[in-house]
Full PDB file with SEQRES, HELIX, SHEET, SSBOND, CRYST1, ORIGX, SCALE, CONECT and MASTER records, all heavy atoms in Angstrom:
SEQRES   1 A   33  PRO GLY LYS GLN ARG ASP LEU VAL ALA VAL ILE THR ASP          
SEQRES   2 A   33  ILE GLY SER THR ASN TYR ALA ASP SER VAL LYS GLY ARG          
SEQRES   3 A   33  PHE ALA ILE SER ARG ASP ASN                                  
SHEET    1 AA1 2 ALA A   9  ILE A  11  0                                        
SHEET    2 AA1 2 THR A  17  TYR A  19 -1                                        
CRYST1    1.000    1.000    1.000  90.00  90.00  90.00 P 1           1          
ORIGX1      1.000000  0.000000  0.000000        0.00000                         
ORIGX2      0.000000  1.000000  0.000000        0.00000                         
ORIGX3      0.000000  0.000000  1.000000        0.00000                         
SCALE1      1.000000  0.000000  0.000000        0.00000                         
SCALE2      0.000000  1.000000  0.000000        0.00000                         
SCALE3      0.000000  0.000000  1.000000        0.00000                         
ATOM      1  N   PRO A   1      -7.420   5.379  25.494  1.00  0.00           N  
ATOM      2  CA  PRO A   1      -7.728   6.674  26.111  1.00  0.00           C  
ATOM      3  C   PRO A   1      -6.569   7.654  25.943  1.00  0.00           C  
ATOM      4  O   PRO A   1      -5.432   7.354  26.321  1.00  0.00           O  
ATOM      5  CB  PRO A   1      -7.951   6.328  27.582  1.00  0.00           C  
ATOM      6  CG  PRO A   1      -8.314   4.872  27.577  1.00  0.00           C  
ATOM      7  CD  PRO A   1      -7.523   4.274  26.454  1.00  0.00           C  
ATOM      8  N   GLY A   2      -6.849   8.809  25.380  1.00  0.00           N  
ATOM      9  CA  GLY A   2      -5.841   9.834  25.196  1.00  0.00           C  
ATOM     10  C   GLY A   2      -4.788   9.521  24.151  1.00  0.00           C  
ATOM     11  O   GLY A   2      -3.748  10.189  24.122  1.00  0.00           O  
ATOM     12  N   LYS A   3      -5.039   8.533  23.301  1.00  0.00           N  
ATOM     13  CA  LYS A   3      -4.071   8.126  22.294  1.00  0.00           C  
ATOM     14  C   LYS A   3      -4.645   8.256  20.887  1.00  0.00           C  
ATOM     15  O   LYS A   3      -5.847   8.385  20.693  1.00  0.00           O  
ATOM     16  CB  LYS A   3      -3.626   6.680  22.532  1.00  0.00           C  
ATOM     17  CG  LYS A   3      -2.965   6.434  23.885  1.00  0.00           C  
ATOM     18  CD  LYS A   3      -2.570   4.974  24.035  1.00  0.00           C  
ATOM     19  CE  LYS A   3      -1.921   4.711  25.378  1.00  0.00           C  
ATOM     20  NZ  LYS A   3      -1.559   3.274  25.537  1.00  0.00           N  
ATOM     21  N   GLN A   4      -3.751   8.208  19.899  1.00  0.00           N  
ATOM     22  CA  GLN A   4      -4.152   8.203  18.504  1.00  0.00           C  
ATOM     23  C   GLN A   4      -4.590   6.806  18.080  1.00  0.00           C  
ATOM     24  O   GLN A   4      -4.298   5.815  18.751  1.00  0.00           O  
ATOM     25  CB  GLN A   4      -2.997   8.672  17.618  1.00  0.00           C  
ATOM     26  CG  GLN A   4      -2.559  10.104  17.859  1.00  0.00           C  
ATOM     27  CD  GLN A   4      -1.434  10.524  16.938  1.00  0.00           C  
ATOM     28  OE1 GLN A   4      -0.817   9.691  16.264  1.00  0.00           O  
ATOM     29  NE2 GLN A   4      -1.160  11.810  16.889  1.00  0.00           N  
ATOM     30  N   ARG A   5      -5.295   6.737  16.953  1.00  0.00           N  
ATOM     31  CA  ARG A   5      -5.669   5.453  16.390  1.00  0.00           C  
ATOM     32  C   ARG A   5      -4.471   4.854  15.660  1.00  0.00           C  
ATOM     33  O   ARG A   5      -3.948   5.453  14.720  1.00  0.00           O  
ATOM     34  CB  ARG A   5      -6.854   5.604  15.439  1.00  0.00           C  
ATOM     35  CG  ARG A   5      -7.385   4.279  14.916  1.00  0.00           C  
ATOM     36  CD  ARG A   5      -8.573   4.446  13.987  1.00  0.00           C  
ATOM     37  NE  ARG A   5      -9.709   5.062  14.656  1.00  0.00           N  
ATOM     38  CZ  ARG A   5     -10.918   5.168  14.121  1.00  0.00           C  
ATOM     39  NH1 ARG A   5     -11.154   4.690  12.904  1.00  0.00           N  
ATOM     40  NH2 ARG A   5     -11.885   5.757  14.803  1.00  0.00           N  
ATOM     41  N   ASP A   6      -4.032   3.681  16.103  1.00  0.00           N  
ATOM     42  CA  ASP A   6      -2.825   3.051  15.584  1.00  0.00           C  
ATOM     43  C   ASP A   6      -3.122   1.676  15.004  1.00  0.00           C  
ATOM     44  O   ASP A   6      -4.055   0.988  15.422  1.00  0.00           O  
ATOM     45  CB  ASP A   6      -1.769   2.897  16.685  1.00  0.00           C  
ATOM     46  CG  ASP A   6      -1.247   4.220  17.198  1.00  0.00           C  
ATOM     47  OD1 ASP A   6      -1.106   5.154  16.393  1.00  0.00           O  
ATOM     48  OD2 ASP A   6      -0.969   4.315  18.414  1.00  0.00           O  
ATOM     49  N   LEU A   7      -2.286   1.273  14.064  1.00  0.00           N  
ATOM     50  CA  LEU A   7      -2.372  -0.058  13.469  1.00  0.00           C  
ATOM     51  C   LEU A   7      -2.086  -1.128  14.506  1.00  0.00           C  
ATOM     52  O   LEU A   7      -1.139  -1.012  15.290  1.00  0.00           O  
ATOM     53  CB  LEU A   7      -1.364  -0.175  12.324  1.00  0.00           C  
ATOM     54  CG  LEU A   7      -1.178  -1.563  11.722  1.00  0.00           C  
ATOM     55  CD1 LEU A   7      -2.402  -1.945  10.904  1.00  0.00           C  
ATOM     56  CD2 LEU A   7       0.080  -1.616  10.863  1.00  0.00           C  
ATOM     57  N   VAL A   8      -2.883  -2.189  14.515  1.00  0.00           N  
ATOM     58  CA  VAL A   8      -2.632  -3.372  15.319  1.00  0.00           C  
ATOM     59  C   VAL A   8      -2.104  -4.496  14.440  1.00  0.00           C  
ATOM     60  O   VAL A   8      -1.029  -5.044  14.687  1.00  0.00           O  
ATOM     61  CB  VAL A   8      -3.892  -3.831  16.065  1.00  0.00           C  
ATOM     62  CG1 VAL A   8      -3.608  -5.108  16.857  1.00  0.00           C  
ATOM     63  CG2 VAL A   8      -4.402  -2.734  16.985  1.00  0.00           C  
ATOM     64  N   ALA A   9      -2.858  -4.858  13.416  1.00  0.00           N  
ATOM     65  CA  ALA A   9      -2.470  -5.940  12.521  1.00  0.00           C  
ATOM     66  C   ALA A   9      -3.269  -5.846  11.237  1.00  0.00           C  
ATOM     67  O   ALA A   9      -4.418  -5.387  11.243  1.00  0.00           O  
ATOM     68  CB  ALA A   9      -2.691  -7.307  13.171  1.00  0.00           C  
ATOM     69  N   VAL A  10      -2.673  -6.284  10.128  1.00  0.00           N  
ATOM     70  CA  VAL A  10      -3.364  -6.344   8.848  1.00  0.00           C  
ATOM     71  C   VAL A  10      -3.051  -7.665   8.176  1.00  0.00           C  
ATOM     72  O   VAL A  10      -2.025  -8.294   8.453  1.00  0.00           O  
ATOM     73  CB  VAL A  10      -2.982  -5.176   7.904  1.00  0.00           C  
ATOM     74  CG1 VAL A  10      -3.475  -3.849   8.466  1.00  0.00           C  
ATOM     75  CG2 VAL A  10      -1.481  -5.135   7.668  1.00  0.00           C  
ATOM     76  N   ILE A  11      -3.938  -8.082   7.269  1.00  0.00           N  
ATOM     77  CA  ILE A  11      -3.755  -9.319   6.527  1.00  0.00           C  
ATOM     78  C   ILE A  11      -4.313  -9.135   5.125  1.00  0.00           C  
ATOM     79  O   ILE A  11      -5.405  -8.598   4.944  1.00  0.00           O  
ATOM     80  CB  ILE A  11      -4.420 -10.510   7.258  1.00  0.00           C  
ATOM     81  CG1 ILE A  11      -4.154 -11.821   6.530  1.00  0.00           C  
ATOM     82  CG2 ILE A  11      -5.911 -10.266   7.466  1.00  0.00           C  
ATOM     83  CD1 ILE A  11      -4.529 -13.055   7.349  1.00  0.00           C  
ATOM     84  N   THR A  12      -3.564  -9.577   4.120  1.00  0.00           N  
ATOM     85  CA  THR A  12      -3.993  -9.445   2.737  1.00  0.00           C  
ATOM     86  C   THR A  12      -4.886 -10.606   2.334  1.00  0.00           C  
ATOM     87  O   THR A  12      -5.076 -11.566   3.085  1.00  0.00           O  
ATOM     88  CB  THR A  12      -2.795  -9.389   1.780  1.00  0.00           C  
ATOM     89  OG1 THR A  12      -2.176 -10.681   1.710  1.00  0.00           O  
ATOM     90  CG2 THR A  12      -1.765  -8.361   2.246  1.00  0.00           C  
ATOM     91  N   ASP A  13      -5.418 -10.536   1.109  1.00  0.00           N  
ATOM     92  CA  ASP A  13      -6.280 -11.599   0.605  1.00  0.00           C  
ATOM     93  C   ASP A  13      -5.547 -12.917   0.451  1.00  0.00           C  
ATOM     94  O   ASP A  13      -6.192 -13.975   0.435  1.00  0.00           O  
ATOM     95  CB  ASP A  13      -6.902 -11.181  -0.733  1.00  0.00           C  
ATOM     96  CG  ASP A  13      -5.857 -10.751  -1.742  1.00  0.00           C  
ATOM     97  OD1 ASP A  13      -5.272  -9.665  -1.564  1.00  0.00           O  
ATOM     98  OD2 ASP A  13      -5.644 -11.493  -2.720  1.00  0.00           O  
ATOM     99  N   ILE A  14      -4.223 -12.886   0.319  1.00  0.00           N  
ATOM    100  CA  ILE A  14      -3.453 -14.113   0.190  1.00  0.00           C  
ATOM    101  C   ILE A  14      -2.767 -14.516   1.490  1.00  0.00           C  
ATOM    102  O   ILE A  14      -1.969 -15.451   1.512  1.00  0.00           O  
ATOM    103  CB  ILE A  14      -2.415 -14.029  -0.940  1.00  0.00           C  
ATOM    104  CG1 ILE A  14      -1.424 -12.899  -0.691  1.00  0.00           C  
ATOM    105  CG2 ILE A  14      -3.114 -13.854  -2.280  1.00  0.00           C  
ATOM    106  CD1 ILE A  14      -0.253 -12.911  -1.663  1.00  0.00           C  
ATOM    107  N   GLY A  15      -3.057 -13.804   2.585  1.00  0.00           N  
ATOM    108  CA  GLY A  15      -2.604 -14.231   3.890  1.00  0.00           C  
ATOM    109  C   GLY A  15      -1.331 -13.608   4.411  1.00  0.00           C  
ATOM    110  O   GLY A  15      -0.857 -14.019   5.486  1.00  0.00           O  
ATOM    111  N   SER A  16      -0.765 -12.641   3.717  1.00  0.00           N  
ATOM    112  CA  SER A  16       0.403 -11.942   4.243  1.00  0.00           C  
ATOM    113  C   SER A  16      -0.017 -11.039   5.399  1.00  0.00           C  
ATOM    114  O   SER A  16      -1.033 -10.360   5.318  1.00  0.00           O  
ATOM    115  CB  SER A  16       1.075 -11.114   3.155  1.00  0.00           C  
ATOM    116  OG  SER A  16       1.542 -11.944   2.109  1.00  0.00           O  
ATOM    117  N   THR A  17       0.775 -11.029   6.465  1.00  0.00           N  
ATOM    118  CA  THR A  17       0.407 -10.298   7.674  1.00  0.00           C  
ATOM    119  C   THR A  17       1.468  -9.293   8.070  1.00  0.00           C  
ATOM    120  O   THR A  17       2.642  -9.412   7.717  1.00  0.00           O  
ATOM    121  CB  THR A  17       0.182 -11.256   8.851  1.00  0.00           C  
ATOM    122  OG1 THR A  17       1.386 -11.996   9.105  1.00  0.00           O  
ATOM    123  CG2 THR A  17      -0.948 -12.230   8.549  1.00  0.00           C  
ATOM    124  N   ASN A  18       1.030  -8.305   8.834  1.00  0.00           N  
ATOM    125  CA  ASN A  18       1.921  -7.328   9.424  1.00  0.00           C  
ATOM    126  C   ASN A  18       1.352  -6.937  10.778  1.00  0.00           C  
ATOM    127  O   ASN A  18       0.142  -6.723  10.898  1.00  0.00           O  
ATOM    128  CB  ASN A  18       2.075  -6.096   8.530  1.00  0.00           C  
ATOM    129  CG  ASN A  18       3.154  -5.155   9.012  1.00  0.00           C  
ATOM    130  OD1 ASN A  18       4.201  -5.584   9.478  1.00  0.00           O  
ATOM    131  ND2 ASN A  18       2.906  -3.856   8.900  1.00  0.00           N  
ATOM    132  N   TYR A  19       2.226  -6.841  11.790  1.00  0.00           N  
ATOM    133  CA  TYR A  19       1.802  -6.545  13.149  1.00  0.00           C  
ATOM    134  C   TYR A  19       2.557  -5.349  13.706  1.00  0.00           C  
ATOM    135  O   TYR A  19       3.724  -5.120  13.381  1.00  0.00           O  
ATOM    136  CB  TYR A  19       2.070  -7.731  14.076  1.00  0.00           C  
ATOM    137  CG  TYR A  19       1.279  -8.974  13.776  1.00  0.00           C  
ATOM    138  CD1 TYR A  19       1.775  -9.935  12.909  1.00  0.00           C  
ATOM    139  CD2 TYR A  19       0.049  -9.194  14.384  1.00  0.00           C  
ATOM    140  CE1 TYR A  19       1.055 -11.085  12.643  1.00  0.00           C  
ATOM    141  CE2 TYR A  19      -0.673 -10.347  14.119  1.00  0.00           C  
ATOM    142  CZ  TYR A  19      -0.169 -11.294  13.250  1.00  0.00           C  
ATOM    143  OH  TYR A  19      -0.887 -12.438  12.999  1.00  0.00           O  
ATOM    144  N   ALA A  20       1.884  -4.610  14.576  1.00  0.00           N  
ATOM    145  CA  ALA A  20       2.575  -3.613  15.367  1.00  0.00           C  
ATOM    146  C   ALA A  20       3.561  -4.308  16.298  1.00  0.00           C  
ATOM    147  O   ALA A  20       3.296  -5.407  16.804  1.00  0.00           O  
ATOM    148  CB  ALA A  20       1.583  -2.793  16.177  1.00  0.00           C  
ATOM    149  N   ASP A  21       4.702  -3.670  16.533  1.00  0.00           N  
ATOM    150  CA  ASP A  21       5.707  -4.272  17.407  1.00  0.00           C  
ATOM    151  C   ASP A  21       5.154  -4.565  18.804  1.00  0.00           C  
ATOM    152  O   ASP A  21       5.555  -5.539  19.445  1.00  0.00           O  
ATOM    153  CB  ASP A  21       6.919  -3.355  17.520  1.00  0.00           C  
ATOM    154  CG  ASP A  21       7.751  -3.319  16.251  1.00  0.00           C  
ATOM    155  OD1 ASP A  21       7.622  -4.231  15.414  1.00  0.00           O  
ATOM    156  OD2 ASP A  21       8.546  -2.372  16.100  1.00  0.00           O  
ATOM    157  N   SER A  22       4.229  -3.752  19.268  1.00  0.00           N  
ATOM    158  CA  SER A  22       3.709  -3.891  20.613  1.00  0.00           C  
ATOM    159  C   SER A  22       2.854  -5.139  20.814  1.00  0.00           C  
ATOM    160  O   SER A  22       2.631  -5.557  21.952  1.00  0.00           O  
ATOM    161  CB  SER A  22       2.894  -2.653  21.000  1.00  0.00           C  
ATOM    162  OG  SER A  22       1.810  -2.467  20.109  1.00  0.00           O  
ATOM    163  N   VAL A  23       2.368  -5.742  19.727  1.00  0.00           N  
ATOM    164  CA  VAL A  23       1.499  -6.912  19.845  1.00  0.00           C  
ATOM    165  C   VAL A  23       2.098  -8.158  19.211  1.00  0.00           C  
ATOM    166  O   VAL A  23       1.534  -9.252  19.372  1.00  0.00           O  
ATOM    167  CB  VAL A  23       0.108  -6.651  19.238  1.00  0.00           C  
ATOM    168  CG1 VAL A  23      -0.514  -5.402  19.834  1.00  0.00           C  
ATOM    169  CG2 VAL A  23       0.185  -6.544  17.720  1.00  0.00           C  
ATOM    170  N   LYS A  24       3.198  -8.028  18.527  1.00  0.00           N  
ATOM    171  CA  LYS A  24       3.807  -9.162  17.834  1.00  0.00           C  
ATOM    172  C   LYS A  24       4.166 -10.257  18.832  1.00  0.00           C  
ATOM    173  O   LYS A  24       4.785 -10.004  19.865  1.00  0.00           O  
ATOM    174  CB  LYS A  24       5.045  -8.710  17.065  1.00  0.00           C  
ATOM    175  CG  LYS A  24       5.548  -9.719  16.050  1.00  0.00           C  
ATOM    176  CD  LYS A  24       6.637  -9.119  15.175  1.00  0.00           C  
ATOM    177  CE  LYS A  24       7.061 -10.078  14.077  1.00  0.00           C  
ATOM    178  NZ  LYS A  24       8.092  -9.479  13.188  1.00  0.00           N  
ATOM    179  N   GLY A  25       3.773 -11.486  18.516  1.00  0.00           N  
ATOM    180  CA  GLY A  25       3.993 -12.609  19.413  1.00  0.00           C  
ATOM    181  C   GLY A  25       2.865 -12.851  20.394  1.00  0.00           C  
ATOM    182  O   GLY A  25       2.809 -13.924  21.002  1.00  0.00           O  
ATOM    183  N   ARG A  26       1.976 -11.881  20.560  1.00  0.00           N  
ATOM    184  CA  ARG A  26       0.833 -12.027  21.459  1.00  0.00           C  
ATOM    185  C   ARG A  26      -0.497 -12.106  20.711  1.00  0.00           C  
ATOM    186  O   ARG A  26      -1.415 -12.795  21.155  1.00  0.00           O  
ATOM    187  CB  ARG A  26       0.769 -10.859  22.447  1.00  0.00           C  
ATOM    188  CG  ARG A  26       2.001 -10.740  23.334  1.00  0.00           C  
ATOM    189  CD  ARG A  26       1.797  -9.699  24.422  1.00  0.00           C  
ATOM    190  NE  ARG A  26       1.581  -8.358  23.869  1.00  0.00           N  
ATOM    191  CZ  ARG A  26       0.482  -7.640  24.054  1.00  0.00           C  
ATOM    192  NH1 ARG A  26      -0.520  -8.118  24.790  1.00  0.00           N  
ATOM    193  NH2 ARG A  26       0.373  -6.430  23.527  1.00  0.00           N  
ATOM    194  N   PHE A  27      -0.608 -11.372  19.609  1.00  0.00           N  
ATOM    195  CA  PHE A  27      -1.841 -11.336  18.827  1.00  0.00           C  
ATOM    196  C   PHE A  27      -1.646 -12.095  17.524  1.00  0.00           C  
ATOM    197  O   PHE A  27      -0.530 -12.175  16.989  1.00  0.00           O  
ATOM    198  CB  PHE A  27      -2.241  -9.897  18.492  1.00  0.00           C  
ATOM    199  CG  PHE A  27      -2.681  -9.058  19.655  1.00  0.00           C  
ATOM    200  CD1 PHE A  27      -2.550  -9.491  20.963  1.00  0.00           C  
ATOM    201  CD2 PHE A  27      -3.234  -7.806  19.424  1.00  0.00           C  
ATOM    202  CE1 PHE A  27      -2.952  -8.712  22.032  1.00  0.00           C  
ATOM    203  CE2 PHE A  27      -3.643  -7.016  20.482  1.00  0.00           C  
ATOM    204  CZ  PHE A  27      -3.504  -7.461  21.781  1.00  0.00           C  
ATOM    205  N   ALA A  28      -2.733 -12.630  16.986  1.00  0.00           N  
ATOM    206  CA  ALA A  28      -2.703 -13.312  15.701  1.00  0.00           C  
ATOM    207  C   ALA A  28      -3.927 -12.918  14.883  1.00  0.00           C  
ATOM    208  O   ALA A  28      -5.056 -13.033  15.367  1.00  0.00           O  
ATOM    209  CB  ALA A  28      -2.654 -14.826  15.883  1.00  0.00           C  
ATOM    210  N   ILE A  29      -3.691 -12.447  13.668  1.00  0.00           N  
ATOM    211  CA  ILE A  29      -4.775 -12.081  12.776  1.00  0.00           C  
ATOM    212  C   ILE A  29      -4.995 -13.199  11.766  1.00  0.00           C  
ATOM    213  O   ILE A  29      -4.045 -13.841  11.315  1.00  0.00           O  
ATOM    214  CB  ILE A  29      -4.485 -10.736  12.073  1.00  0.00           C  
ATOM    215  CG1 ILE A  29      -5.719 -10.241  11.321  1.00  0.00           C  
ATOM    216  CG2 ILE A  29      -3.279 -10.832  11.156  1.00  0.00           C  
ATOM    217  CD1 ILE A  29      -5.590  -8.809  10.827  1.00  0.00           C  
ATOM    218  N   SER A  30      -6.251 -13.441  11.417  1.00  0.00           N  
ATOM    219  CA  SER A  30      -6.597 -14.439  10.422  1.00  0.00           C  
ATOM    220  C   SER A  30      -7.861 -14.000   9.700  1.00  0.00           C  
ATOM    221  O   SER A  30      -8.529 -13.048  10.120  1.00  0.00           O  
ATOM    222  CB  SER A  30      -6.791 -15.820  11.065  1.00  0.00           C  
ATOM    223  OG  SER A  30      -7.841 -15.791  12.016  1.00  0.00           O  
ATOM    224  N   ARG A  31      -8.186 -14.685   8.598  1.00  0.00           N  
ATOM    225  CA  ARG A  31      -9.379 -14.327   7.852  1.00  0.00           C  
ATOM    226  C   ARG A  31      -9.985 -15.542   7.188  1.00  0.00           C  
ATOM    227  O   ARG A  31      -9.305 -16.538   6.914  1.00  0.00           O  
ATOM    228  CB  ARG A  31      -9.077 -13.247   6.804  1.00  0.00           C  
ATOM    229  CG  ARG A  31      -8.081 -13.655   5.735  1.00  0.00           C  
ATOM    230  CD  ARG A  31      -7.708 -12.458   4.856  1.00  0.00           C  
ATOM    231  NE  ARG A  31      -8.809 -12.057   3.988  1.00  0.00           N  
ATOM    232  CZ  ARG A  31      -8.877 -10.891   3.354  1.00  0.00           C  
ATOM    233  NH1 ARG A  31      -7.909 -10.001   3.497  1.00  0.00           N  
ATOM    234  NH2 ARG A  31      -9.915 -10.618   2.574  1.00  0.00           N  
ATOM    235  N   ASP A  32     -11.279 -15.450   6.933  1.00  0.00           N  
ATOM    236  CA  ASP A  32     -12.030 -16.454   6.198  1.00  0.00           C  
ATOM    237  C   ASP A  32     -12.574 -15.752   4.965  1.00  0.00           C  
ATOM    238  O   ASP A  32     -13.551 -15.003   5.050  1.00  0.00           O  
ATOM    239  CB  ASP A  32     -13.155 -17.023   7.054  1.00  0.00           C  
ATOM    240  CG  ASP A  32     -13.915 -18.144   6.376  1.00  0.00           C  
ATOM    241  OD1 ASP A  32     -13.927 -18.210   5.137  1.00  0.00           O  
ATOM    242  OD2 ASP A  32     -14.503 -18.968   7.098  1.00  0.00           O  
ATOM    243  N   ASN A  33     -11.935 -15.976   3.827  1.00  0.00           N  
ATOM    244  CA  ASN A  33     -12.319 -15.260   2.612  1.00  0.00           C  
ATOM    245  C   ASN A  33     -13.731 -15.610   2.154  1.00  0.00           C  
ATOM    246  O   ASN A  33     -14.441 -14.757   1.616  1.00  0.00           O  
ATOM    247  CB  ASN A  33     -11.318 -15.549   1.494  1.00  0.00           C  
ATOM    248  CG  ASN A  33      -9.965 -14.914   1.737  1.00  0.00           C  
ATOM    249  OD1 ASN A  33      -9.841 -13.988   2.543  1.00  0.00           O  
ATOM    250  ND2 ASN A  33      -8.949 -15.406   1.043  1.00  0.00           N  
TER     251      ASN A  33                                                      
MASTER        0    0    0    0    2    0    0    6  250    1    0    3          
END                                                                             
């Protein structure tokens, strides 16, 4: 609410990940190709 759309987490096709500092250690992204 009242905020911009911000990155939470991304993951590449080979499994490399990147997280926003605000969620690192609490959230985990994964994928099923």
